[in-house]
Amino acid sequence: MRSLLRRIGIDTRYLLLSFPLAVIAFCLMVAGFSAGASTVVVWIGVPILGATLMLARGFADLERRMLPEVLGRAVARPRYRPAPQSAGFLRRVVNPLTSGQSWLDMLYGIVNFPVAVVTFCLTVTWWAGTVFGLTYPVYGWILEAIPDNNGLPELLGLGDSALTGVVFNTAIGVLFAITLPMVVRGAALVQSGLSRAMLTGVAELHERIDDLAEGRAAAVSAEANALRKLERDIHDGPQQRLVSLAMDLSRAQRQLKRDPQAVERMLSEAITSTRETLDELRALSRGIAPPILTDRGLTPALAALAGRCTVPVELDVQVEGRFAAAVENTVYFVVAETLTNIAKHSHATVCTVTLSKTGGVLMLTIGDDGVGGAHVAKGHGLSGLADRLRAVDGELSVNSPVGGPTVIVAEVPCG
């Protein structure tokens, strides 16, 4: 009940304040645009238009300040291109005319006026109907009895006509009171929707473009880091083993006739080295595209990761079915890298991996009882995970105080 009353109060205040602002803005925008457009050929109109656009920006900023409380979320403010530092007076006057959002602000000041008139009238009408209808029993007896002028009983409202009038008007007040939240909320959403579309639409589009560019850059960075790591691992592991294997086989070939027993020992060592190299290559391939993930899905793949980890893992997978390949690969990679970091650096005795789905988001939670101190700063292993998650519009949060425990939460949109 309290939240409903608060919502009605916020919407009512917004609509009542918007009306006088809309009237003032409409008069200034129409007058400024008319005067500026009619005199622009003699250059007098240029500063008039510039001043009008700056006024429109001010009114738009006032509206943007009120929108978050009505919409329940923050709104973006467009980036108005400032004039260069070395710009002269004329360049600064003309600068607002070069911004498309400035013209939208002025157009909003004109278009918003009729909408504000309608929403204001609806708000005042419903509040008046509610207040006067519900309080009618307080003064209605007297109003109903005065016209009859039949003496004290009628004056006190004891007649049938007085009672009927009170009941009817009170019922009207109850009807207005019941529909007041819906009408006021609807009017507020209509007006705030127009404001959001005209005053923040360009800014939200720019933010989305920036997010996509950041995600693309993060994907490129994550892939580049993964390729560098793979190259380094291959160079330090299998490549060195293969070089050593080639040298051993060459030496065995030269000694085949002179010392067959030594050659047999070398071949045995070469076979062992070959098996170890194959094991390393299989381990590296798991980080790229593990067959178990491709063939059977996340649950068996994560179970395999948990089984190979040197720290005991409590695995709880609460999702079923398959997801997009990019989503499954991201979740697998995050779990694989995190478990590797836990095994190397955390000194933990146990860790937990939980995968659940909330709405259209996969929630991956990994915790351990280790020494803590993990963070996503550049140059640390977790920064690569953050980049990989941003590439699929995901997020990574790390809570790891020194001394532990560590909790890592990854959110991966899954459509």
Protein backbone atom coordinates (compact mmCIF):
# COMPACT_ATOMS: atom_id res chain seq x y z
CA MET A 1 0.00 0.00 0.00
CA ARG A 2 2.79 2.37 0.88
CA SER A 3 4.59 1.69 -2.42
CA LEU A 4 1.34 2.31 -4.33
CA LEU A 5 0.79 5.65 -2.62
CA ARG A 6 4.42 6.58 -3.27
CA ARG A 7 4.05 5.72 -6.95
CA ILE A 8 0.87 7.81 -7.24
CA GLY A 9 2.65 10.72 -5.55
CA ILE A 10 5.68 10.52 -7.85
CA ASP A 11 3.56 10.32 -11.01
CA THR A 12 1.25 13.13 -9.89
CA ARG A 13 4.14 15.43 -9.03
CA TYR A 14 5.76 14.69 -12.38
CA LEU A 15 2.59 15.46 -14.35
CA LEU A 16 1.75 18.63 -12.40
CA LEU A 17 5.30 20.00 -12.73
CA SER A 18 5.56 19.06 -16.40
CA PHE A 19 2.55 21.14 -17.40
CA PRO A 20 3.86 24.65 -16.51
CA LEU A 21 7.29 23.71 -17.85
CA ALA A 22 5.68 22.54 -21.10
CA VAL A 23 3.71 25.79 -21.42
CA ILE A 24 6.80 27.95 -20.89
CA ALA A 25 8.94 25.79 -23.19
CA PHE A 26 6.28 25.81 -25.94
CA CYS A 27 5.98 29.61 -25.88
CA LEU A 28 9.75 30.13 -25.93
CA MET A 29 10.38 27.50 -28.63
CA VAL A 30 7.66 28.81 -30.96
CA ALA A 31 8.64 32.45 -30.43
CA GLY A 32 12.38 31.77 -30.75
CA PHE A 33 12.08 29.56 -33.81
CA SER A 34 9.69 31.97 -35.56
CA ALA A 35 11.90 34.98 -34.87
CA GLY A 36 15.08 33.14 -35.76
CA ALA A 37 13.80 31.51 -38.94
CA SER A 38 12.30 34.74 -40.25
CA THR A 39 15.50 36.75 -39.75
CA VAL A 40 18.12 34.11 -40.51
CA VAL A 41 18.68 35.57 -43.99
CA VAL A 42 20.12 38.73 -42.42
CA TRP A 43 22.13 36.71 -39.85
CA ILE A 44 20.20 38.14 -36.90
CA GLY A 45 18.30 34.88 -36.70
CA VAL A 46 21.43 32.78 -36.19
CA PRO A 47 22.10 33.90 -32.60
CA ILE A 48 18.35 33.81 -31.90
CA LEU A 49 18.17 30.19 -33.06
CA GLY A 50 21.32 29.36 -31.12
CA ALA A 51 19.87 30.85 -27.93
CA THR A 52 16.57 29.05 -28.52
CA LEU A 53 18.35 25.72 -28.91
CA MET A 54 20.32 26.33 -25.71
CA LEU A 55 17.05 27.08 -23.88
CA ALA A 56 15.60 23.89 -25.32
CA ARG A 57 18.61 21.98 -24.01
CA GLY A 58 18.00 23.41 -20.55
CA PHE A 59 14.35 22.33 -20.55
CA ALA A 60 15.38 18.92 -21.89
CA ASP A 61 17.87 18.51 -19.05
CA LEU A 62 15.15 19.33 -16.52
CA GLU A 63 12.96 16.65 -18.07
CA ARG A 64 15.80 14.13 -18.07
CA ARG A 65 16.32 14.78 -14.36
CA MET A 66 12.69 13.83 -13.62
CA LEU A 67 12.55 10.73 -15.83
CA PRO A 68 14.52 8.23 -13.67
CA GLU A 69 12.07 8.51 -10.79
CA VAL A 70 9.10 7.93 -13.09
CA LEU A 71 10.64 5.18 -15.23
CA GLY A 72 12.43 3.49 -12.35
CA ARG A 73 15.81 3.46 -14.08
CA ALA A 74 18.54 5.83 -15.13
CA VAL A 75 18.41 7.48 -18.53
CA ALA A 76 21.30 8.51 -20.72
CA ARG A 77 22.12 12.13 -21.51
CA PRO A 78 23.19 12.77 -25.11
CA ARG A 79 26.70 14.00 -25.73
CA TYR A 80 26.43 17.51 -27.11
CA ARG A 81 29.48 18.37 -29.17
CA PRO A 82 31.19 21.37 -27.54
CA ALA A 83 32.72 24.20 -29.51
CA PRO A 84 36.51 24.07 -29.87
CA GLN A 85 38.53 25.83 -27.20
CA SER A 86 39.89 28.32 -29.70
CA ALA A 87 36.48 29.01 -31.29
CA GLY A 88 35.39 32.61 -31.66
CA PHE A 89 32.06 34.16 -30.74
CA LEU A 90 30.37 33.33 -34.06
CA ARG A 91 31.53 29.71 -33.95
CA ARG A 92 30.18 29.30 -30.41
CA VAL A 93 26.86 30.84 -31.41
CA VAL A 94 26.52 28.54 -34.41
CA ASN A 95 27.68 25.42 -32.55
CA PRO A 96 24.23 24.42 -31.15
CA LEU A 97 22.85 24.48 -34.69
CA THR A 98 25.24 21.68 -35.68
CA SER A 99 23.85 19.21 -33.12
CA GLY A 100 20.95 17.03 -34.20
CA GLN A 101 19.96 16.42 -30.57
CA SER A 102 19.59 20.18 -30.04
CA TRP A 103 16.96 20.32 -32.77
CA LEU A 104 15.24 17.30 -31.24
CA ASP A 105 15.18 19.14 -27.90
CA MET A 106 13.45 22.10 -29.52
CA LEU A 107 11.00 19.86 -31.38
CA TYR A 108 10.23 18.13 -28.09
CA GLY A 109 9.40 21.49 -26.51
CA ILE A 110 6.74 21.99 -29.19
CA VAL A 111 5.38 18.45 -29.50
CA ASN A 112 5.23 17.89 -25.75
CA PHE A 113 2.81 20.79 -25.16
CA PRO A 114 -0.45 19.12 -26.33
CA VAL A 115 0.53 15.88 -24.59
CA ALA A 116 1.22 17.74 -21.34
CA VAL A 117 -2.14 19.53 -21.60
CA VAL A 118 -4.03 16.22 -21.92
CA THR A 119 -2.11 14.44 -19.14
CA PHE A 120 -2.45 17.47 -16.85
CA CYS A 121 -6.22 17.65 -17.42
CA LEU A 122 -6.59 13.93 -16.76
CA THR A 123 -4.58 14.17 -13.57
CA VAL A 124 -6.47 17.19 -12.22
CA THR A 125 -9.85 15.71 -13.18
CA TRP A 126 -9.21 12.36 -11.50
CA TRP A 127 -7.78 13.93 -8.37
CA ALA A 128 -10.68 16.37 -8.18
CA GLY A 129 -13.21 13.57 -8.68
CA THR A 130 -11.52 11.49 -6.01
CA VAL A 131 -11.14 14.23 -3.40
CA PHE A 132 -14.53 15.92 -3.85
CA GLY A 133 -16.36 12.60 -4.26
CA LEU A 134 -14.91 10.97 -1.16
CA THR A 135 -15.37 14.10 0.97
CA TYR A 136 -18.89 14.72 -0.28
CA PRO A 137 -20.49 13.24 2.86
CA VAL A 138 -18.81 16.03 4.86
CA TYR A 139 -20.49 18.88 3.00
CA GLY A 140 -23.01 17.17 0.71
CA TRP A 141 -25.83 17.07 3.24
CA ILE A 142 -25.93 20.84 3.35
CA LEU A 143 -25.65 21.25 -0.43
CA GLU A 144 -28.45 18.77 -1.05
CA ALA A 145 -30.77 20.32 1.57
CA ILE A 146 -30.37 24.04 0.80
CA PRO A 147 -32.46 24.13 -2.42
CA ASP A 148 -35.47 22.45 -0.69
CA ASN A 149 -35.60 25.15 1.97
CA ASN A 150 -38.09 23.05 3.96
CA GLY A 151 -36.73 23.76 7.39
CA LEU A 152 -34.22 22.25 9.75
CA PRO A 153 -34.67 18.54 8.91
CA GLU A 154 -33.92 19.09 5.25
CA LEU A 155 -31.12 21.49 6.15
CA LEU A 156 -29.50 18.67 8.11
CA GLY A 157 -29.85 16.36 5.13
CA LEU A 158 -32.41 14.03 6.57
CA GLY A 159 -34.54 13.97 3.39
CA ASP A 160 -34.50 11.18 0.81
CA SER A 161 -33.16 13.44 -1.95
CA ALA A 162 -30.23 14.55 0.17
CA LEU A 163 -29.35 10.95 1.04
CA THR A 164 -29.55 9.88 -2.61
CA GLY A 165 -27.27 12.74 -3.69
CA VAL A 166 -24.68 11.90 -1.05
CA VAL A 167 -24.65 8.22 -1.96
CA PHE A 168 -24.41 8.95 -5.69
CA ASN A 169 -21.56 11.46 -5.38
CA THR A 170 -19.68 9.29 -2.91
CA ALA A 171 -19.94 6.35 -5.31
CA ILE A 172 -18.51 8.54 -8.06
CA GLY A 173 -15.64 9.46 -5.73
CA VAL A 174 -14.96 5.79 -4.99
CA LEU A 175 -14.90 5.02 -8.74
CA PHE A 176 -12.42 7.85 -9.34
CA ALA A 177 -10.28 6.66 -6.39
CA ILE A 178 -10.16 3.08 -7.70
CA THR A 179 -9.12 4.15 -11.20
CA LEU A 180 -6.80 6.97 -10.04
CA PRO A 181 -3.58 4.83 -9.87
CA MET A 182 -4.12 3.42 -13.38
CA VAL A 183 -5.04 6.75 -14.98
CA VAL A 184 -2.18 8.70 -13.35
CA ARG A 185 0.33 5.94 -14.10
CA GLY A 186 -0.82 5.66 -17.69
CA ALA A 187 -0.59 9.42 -18.21
CA ALA A 188 2.88 9.49 -16.67
CA LEU A 189 4.08 6.63 -18.87
CA VAL A 190 2.74 8.26 -22.02
CA GLN A 191 4.46 11.56 -21.31
CA SER A 192 7.70 10.01 -20.02
CA GLY A 193 7.75 7.64 -23.02
CA LEU A 194 7.65 10.59 -25.41
CA SER A 195 10.41 12.30 -23.40
CA ARG A 196 12.57 9.19 -23.36
CA ALA A 197 12.19 8.63 -27.10
CA MET A 198 13.04 12.20 -28.09
CA LEU A 199 15.50 13.22 -25.37
CA THR A 200 17.46 10.01 -24.69
CA GLY A 201 16.93 7.80 -27.76
CA VAL A 202 20.05 9.03 -29.55
CA ALA A 203 22.11 8.74 -26.37
CA GLU A 204 20.91 5.17 -25.73
CA LEU A 205 21.72 4.28 -29.34
CA HIS A 206 25.21 5.69 -28.91
CA GLU A 207 25.63 3.75 -25.66
CA ARG A 208 24.54 0.56 -27.39
CA ILE A 209 26.99 1.20 -30.22
CA ASP A 210 29.74 1.82 -27.67
CA ASP A 211 28.83 -1.41 -25.85
CA LEU A 212 28.94 -3.37 -29.10
CA ALA A 213 32.29 -1.83 -30.00
CA GLU A 214 33.61 -2.63 -26.53
CA GLY A 215 32.31 -6.18 -26.78
CA ARG A 216 33.90 -6.63 -30.19
CA ALA A 217 37.20 -5.26 -28.90
CA ALA A 218 36.94 -7.55 -25.87
CA ALA A 219 36.32 -10.55 -28.14
CA VAL A 220 39.32 -9.69 -30.27
CA SER A 221 41.47 -9.20 -27.16
CA ALA A 222 40.27 -12.45 -25.61
CA GLU A 223 40.97 -14.43 -28.78
CA ALA A 224 44.38 -12.81 -29.19
CA ASN A 225 45.29 -13.64 -25.59
CA ALA A 226 44.04 -17.20 -26.02
CA LEU A 227 46.08 -17.63 -29.21
CA ARG A 228 49.20 -16.22 -27.55
CA LYS A 229 48.73 -18.54 -24.58
CA LEU A 230 48.18 -21.52 -26.89
CA GLU A 231 51.25 -20.62 -28.92
CA ARG A 232 53.33 -20.29 -25.75
CA ASP A 233 52.05 -23.59 -24.36
CA ILE A 234 52.73 -25.41 -27.62
CA HIS A 235 56.21 -23.88 -27.84
CA ASP A 236 57.09 -24.71 -24.24
CA GLY A 237 55.55 -28.20 -24.26
CA PRO A 238 54.80 -30.34 -27.32
CA GLN A 239 57.13 -28.48 -29.65
CA GLN A 240 60.13 -29.02 -27.38
CA ARG A 241 59.20 -32.67 -26.92
CA LEU A 242 58.87 -33.18 -30.67
CA VAL A 243 62.27 -31.57 -31.28
CA SER A 244 63.82 -33.84 -28.64
CA LEU A 245 62.01 -36.82 -30.16
CA ALA A 246 63.40 -36.04 -33.62
CA MET A 247 66.93 -35.77 -32.23
CA ASP A 248 66.57 -39.08 -30.37
CA LEU A 249 65.32 -40.85 -33.50
CA SER A 250 68.19 -39.44 -35.56
CA ARG A 251 70.69 -40.61 -32.97
CA ALA A 252 69.04 -44.05 -32.87
CA GLN A 253 69.25 -44.30 -36.64
CA ARG A 254 72.97 -43.60 -36.57
CA GLN A 255 73.60 -46.18 -33.82
CA LEU A 256 71.30 -48.86 -35.22
CA LYS A 257 74.16 -51.07 -36.44
CA ARG A 258 76.75 -50.24 -33.78
CA ASP A 259 74.70 -50.58 -30.57
CA PRO A 260 71.28 -52.21 -31.01
CA GLN A 261 70.65 -52.27 -27.25
CA ALA A 262 71.15 -48.50 -26.94
CA VAL A 263 68.82 -48.01 -29.89
CA GLU A 264 66.15 -50.12 -28.17
CA ARG A 265 66.45 -47.94 -25.04
CA MET A 266 66.18 -44.76 -27.16
CA LEU A 267 63.10 -46.08 -28.93
CA SER A 268 61.49 -46.86 -25.59
CA GLU A 269 62.17 -43.32 -24.40
CA ALA A 270 60.82 -41.96 -27.71
CA ILE A 271 57.58 -43.91 -27.28
CA THR A 272 57.18 -42.52 -23.76
CA SER A 273 57.88 -39.00 -25.00
CA THR A 274 55.34 -39.46 -27.81
CA ARG A 275 52.63 -40.49 -25.35
CA GLU A 276 53.38 -37.52 -23.08
CA THR A 277 53.25 -35.20 -26.10
CA LEU A 278 49.88 -36.61 -27.12
CA ASP A 279 48.58 -36.09 -23.58
CA GLU A 280 49.71 -32.46 -23.65
CA LEU A 281 48.11 -31.90 -27.05
CA ARG A 282 44.84 -33.40 -25.80
CA ALA A 283 44.95 -31.12 -22.75
CA LEU A 284 45.53 -28.09 -24.95
CA SER A 285 42.73 -29.11 -27.32
CA ARG A 286 40.29 -29.19 -24.42
CA GLY A 287 40.76 -25.46 -24.00
CA ILE A 288 39.89 -24.82 -27.66
CA ALA A 289 36.97 -27.08 -28.54
CA PRO A 290 36.64 -30.12 -26.23
CA PRO A 291 34.84 -32.95 -27.99
CA ILE A 292 32.79 -33.81 -24.89
CA LEU A 293 31.33 -30.28 -24.86
CA THR A 294 30.51 -30.38 -28.56
CA ASP A 295 28.98 -33.85 -28.42
CA ARG A 296 27.27 -34.03 -25.02
CA GLY A 297 26.83 -30.48 -23.67
CA LEU A 298 27.75 -28.50 -20.59
CA THR A 299 26.91 -30.93 -17.79
CA PRO A 300 29.26 -33.76 -18.85
CA ALA A 301 31.95 -31.26 -19.91
CA LEU A 302 31.91 -29.48 -16.56
CA ALA A 303 31.89 -32.83 -14.77
CA ALA A 304 35.04 -33.77 -16.69
CA LEU A 305 36.68 -30.50 -15.69
CA ALA A 306 35.77 -31.05 -12.04
CA GLY A 307 37.15 -34.59 -12.16
CA ARG A 308 40.52 -33.44 -13.49
CA CYS A 309 40.95 -30.59 -10.98
CA THR A 310 43.49 -31.30 -8.23
CA VAL A 311 41.24 -29.50 -5.71
CA PRO A 312 38.01 -31.35 -4.76
CA VAL A 313 35.09 -29.78 -6.64
CA GLU A 314 31.42 -29.80 -5.62
CA LEU A 315 29.53 -29.45 -8.91
CA ASP A 316 25.86 -28.40 -9.03
CA VAL A 317 24.44 -27.97 -12.55
CA GLN A 318 20.79 -26.87 -12.43
CA VAL A 319 20.21 -26.42 -16.18
CA GLU A 320 19.20 -28.84 -18.88
CA GLY A 321 19.38 -28.86 -22.64
CA ARG A 322 21.79 -27.23 -25.03
CA PHE A 323 22.63 -23.58 -25.58
CA ALA A 324 24.33 -21.61 -28.33
CA ALA A 325 27.87 -22.75 -29.04
CA ALA A 326 29.30 -19.36 -28.03
CA VAL A 327 27.48 -19.54 -24.68
CA GLU A 328 28.60 -23.09 -23.91
CA ASN A 329 32.19 -22.37 -24.94
CA THR A 330 32.27 -19.25 -22.75
CA VAL A 331 30.93 -21.06 -19.67
CA TYR A 332 33.33 -23.95 -20.22
CA PHE A 333 36.30 -21.65 -20.69
CA VAL A 334 35.47 -19.64 -17.55
CA VAL A 335 35.18 -22.79 -15.45
CA ALA A 336 38.36 -24.30 -16.92
CA GLU A 337 40.47 -21.17 -16.36
CA THR A 338 39.06 -20.54 -12.89
CA LEU A 339 39.67 -24.10 -11.72
CA THR A 340 43.21 -23.89 -13.10
CA ASN A 341 43.82 -20.68 -11.15
CA ILE A 342 42.34 -22.24 -8.00
CA ALA A 343 44.61 -25.27 -8.32
CA LYS A 344 47.71 -23.12 -8.88
CA HIS A 345 47.27 -20.17 -6.55
CA SER A 346 44.44 -20.47 -4.03
CA HIS A 347 45.72 -23.20 -1.66
CA ALA A 348 42.06 -24.16 -1.30
CA THR A 349 40.84 -27.45 0.15
CA VAL A 350 37.49 -27.41 -1.63
CA CYS A 351 35.71 -25.38 -4.30
CA THR A 352 32.13 -25.22 -5.53
CA VAL A 353 30.80 -24.72 -9.06
CA THR A 354 27.10 -23.88 -9.47
CA LEU A 355 25.37 -23.26 -12.80
CA SER A 356 21.75 -22.07 -12.84
CA LYS A 357 19.45 -20.14 -15.12
CA THR A 358 17.55 -16.99 -14.15
CA GLY A 359 15.33 -15.65 -16.88
CA GLY A 360 17.47 -15.42 -19.99
CA VAL A 361 20.81 -15.45 -18.13
CA LEU A 362 23.06 -18.31 -17.08
CA MET A 363 24.46 -17.67 -13.60
CA LEU A 364 27.82 -19.35 -12.98
CA THR A 365 29.08 -19.17 -9.38
CA ILE A 366 32.51 -20.51 -8.45
CA GLY A 367 33.77 -20.34 -4.86
CA ASP A 368 36.73 -21.64 -2.90
CA ASP A 369 38.05 -21.52 0.67
CA GLY A 370 41.55 -20.44 -0.36
CA VAL A 371 43.73 -17.46 0.50
CA GLY A 372 41.80 -14.96 -1.66
CA GLY A 373 43.32 -11.87 -3.26
CA ALA A 374 41.99 -12.54 -6.77
CA HIS A 375 40.92 -9.56 -8.91
CA VAL A 376 40.30 -8.65 -12.54
CA ALA A 377 43.00 -6.01 -12.93
CA LYS A 378 44.87 -5.94 -16.22
CA GLY A 379 47.81 -8.27 -16.23
CA HIS A 380 46.05 -10.89 -14.12
CA GLY A 381 44.41 -14.08 -15.34
CA LEU A 382 40.86 -13.05 -14.56
CA SER A 383 41.03 -10.03 -16.89
CA GLY A 384 40.99 -12.42 -19.85
CA LEU A 385 37.80 -14.00 -18.48
CA ALA A 386 36.18 -10.57 -18.19
CA ASP A 387 37.07 -9.83 -21.82
CA ARG A 388 35.67 -13.15 -22.98
CA LEU A 389 32.41 -12.54 -21.12
CA ARG A 390 32.05 -9.02 -22.51
CA ALA A 391 32.31 -10.53 -25.97
CA VAL A 392 28.95 -12.27 -25.36
CA ASP A 393 27.42 -9.34 -23.39
CA GLY A 394 28.20 -11.09 -20.11
CA GLU A 395 29.59 -9.77 -16.84
CA LEU A 396 32.14 -10.99 -14.31
CA SER A 397 32.19 -10.04 -10.64
CA VAL A 398 34.86 -11.12 -8.17
CA ASN A 399 34.67 -10.99 -4.38
CA SER A 400 38.00 -12.18 -3.03
CA PRO A 401 39.26 -10.45 0.12
CA VAL A 402 42.76 -11.25 1.29
CA GLY A 403 42.50 -14.35 3.43
CA GLY A 404 39.52 -15.63 1.46
CA PRO A 405 37.08 -16.98 0.68
CA THR A 406 36.72 -16.20 -3.03
CA VAL A 407 33.42 -16.03 -4.91
CA ILE A 408 33.38 -15.46 -8.68
CA VAL A 409 30.06 -14.87 -10.44
CA ALA A 410 29.73 -14.87 -14.22
CA GLU A 411 26.50 -13.87 -15.96
CA VAL A 412 26.11 -15.14 -19.53
CA PRO A 413 23.02 -14.15 -21.56
CA CYS A 414 21.59 -17.27 -23.20
CA GLY A 415 18.69 -15.79 -25.17
